[in-house]
Amino acid sequence: CPFKQVTGLQCPGCGSQRAVHHLLNAEIKQAFALNPLLVIAIPYLIVGFFFEVLPLGKNALKARKFLFGTKAIYVILIIVIAFAVWRNL
């Protein structure tokens, strides 16, 4: 990770590749130890995938706006920044 090489700190994505490898091998504890935010975000990512591939009704559009709208992006940004600070304490 270039960020880690320059600063010595872990970025929010550090360990993600190894975590995905462990998840693909059904080793959830090991994946969580490497990058807990990635493991916790999987249900959110799956919902986003289904919103993209399935036809949406009126209620689903409201849910999509709530989960993936501008306010949600700001909340996710705050969560990622808080995670980056927490993992480097």
Protein backbone atom coordinates (compact mmCIF):
# COMPACT_ATOMS: atom_id res chain seq x y z
CA CYS A 1 0.00 0.00 0.00
CA PRO A 2 1.58 3.30 -1.06
CA PHE A 3 -0.21 5.14 1.76
CA LYS A 4 1.28 2.77 4.34
CA GLN A 5 4.76 3.03 2.81
CA VAL A 6 4.69 6.83 2.98
CA THR A 7 2.94 7.36 6.34
CA GLY A 8 3.39 4.08 8.19
CA LEU A 9 -0.37 4.06 8.83
CA GLN A 10 -2.94 1.60 7.53
CA CYS A 11 -5.49 2.97 5.08
CA PRO A 12 -9.11 1.75 5.27
CA GLY A 13 -8.41 -0.72 2.46
CA CYS A 14 -5.27 -2.31 3.91
CA GLY A 15 -5.77 -6.05 4.20
CA SER A 16 -8.75 -6.12 1.83
CA GLN A 17 -7.17 -8.39 -0.73
CA ARG A 18 -6.16 -10.96 1.87
CA ALA A 19 -9.59 -10.60 3.52
CA VAL A 20 -11.34 -11.35 0.23
CA HIS A 21 -9.09 -14.40 -0.20
CA HIS A 22 -10.10 -15.65 3.26
CA LEU A 23 -13.78 -14.97 2.55
CA LEU A 24 -13.59 -16.99 -0.66
CA ASN A 25 -12.23 -19.84 1.45
CA ALA A 26 -15.04 -19.38 4.05
CA GLU A 27 -12.58 -18.20 6.71
CA ILE A 28 -14.67 -15.37 8.11
CA LYS A 29 -12.74 -14.87 11.36
CA GLN A 30 -9.45 -14.44 9.51
CA ALA A 31 -11.06 -12.03 7.03
CA PHE A 32 -12.58 -9.99 9.84
CA ALA A 33 -9.21 -9.80 11.59
CA LEU A 34 -7.61 -8.35 8.44
CA ASN A 35 -10.30 -5.83 7.51
CA PRO A 36 -13.49 -5.77 9.59
CA LEU A 37 -15.06 -2.94 7.57
CA LEU A 38 -14.93 -5.01 4.39
CA VAL A 39 -16.62 -7.99 6.05
CA ILE A 40 -19.31 -5.79 7.63
CA ALA A 41 -19.96 -4.02 4.30
CA ILE A 42 -20.68 -7.21 2.33
CA PRO A 43 -24.48 -7.19 2.90
CA TYR A 44 -24.60 -3.53 1.81
CA LEU A 45 -22.63 -4.35 -1.34
CA ILE A 46 -24.94 -7.29 -2.12
CA VAL A 47 -28.03 -5.07 -1.78
CA GLY A 48 -26.42 -2.54 -4.12
CA PHE A 49 -25.72 -5.28 -6.64
CA PHE A 50 -29.36 -6.42 -6.60
CA PHE A 51 -30.58 -2.85 -7.01
CA GLU A 52 -28.47 -2.67 -10.17
CA VAL A 53 -29.53 -5.95 -11.76
CA LEU A 54 -33.20 -6.30 -10.78
CA PRO A 55 -36.07 -4.18 -12.09
CA LEU A 56 -37.16 -1.73 -9.42
CA GLY A 57 -40.63 -0.84 -8.28
CA LYS A 58 -41.64 2.45 -6.68
CA ASN A 59 -40.86 1.31 -3.11
CA ALA A 60 -37.51 -0.11 -4.16
CA LEU A 61 -36.55 3.23 -5.70
CA LYS A 62 -37.20 4.93 -2.36
CA ALA A 63 -35.10 2.33 -0.58
CA ARG A 64 -32.32 2.73 -3.15
CA LYS A 65 -32.30 6.50 -2.68
CA PHE A 66 -32.18 6.06 1.10
CA LEU A 67 -29.35 3.50 1.01
CA PHE A 68 -27.32 4.91 -1.88
CA GLY A 69 -28.29 8.58 -2.15
CA THR A 70 -26.20 11.65 -1.38
CA LYS A 71 -26.79 11.52 2.38
CA ALA A 72 -25.83 7.84 2.46
CA ILE A 73 -22.58 8.64 0.65
CA TYR A 74 -21.69 11.17 3.34
CA VAL A 75 -22.50 8.66 6.09
CA ILE A 76 -20.32 6.04 4.40
CA LEU A 77 -17.49 8.55 4.05
CA ILE A 78 -17.68 9.34 7.77
CA ILE A 79 -17.68 5.61 8.60
CA VAL A 80 -14.62 4.99 6.41
CA ILE A 81 -12.72 7.93 7.95
CA ALA A 82 -13.67 6.82 11.48
CA PHE A 83 -12.52 3.28 10.67
CA ALA A 84 -9.19 4.59 9.33
CA VAL A 85 -8.62 6.57 12.53
CA TRP A 86 -9.72 3.68 14.79
CA ARG A 87 -7.46 1.09 13.17
CA ASN A 88 -4.41 3.32 13.58
CA LEU A 89 -4.87 4.14 17.27
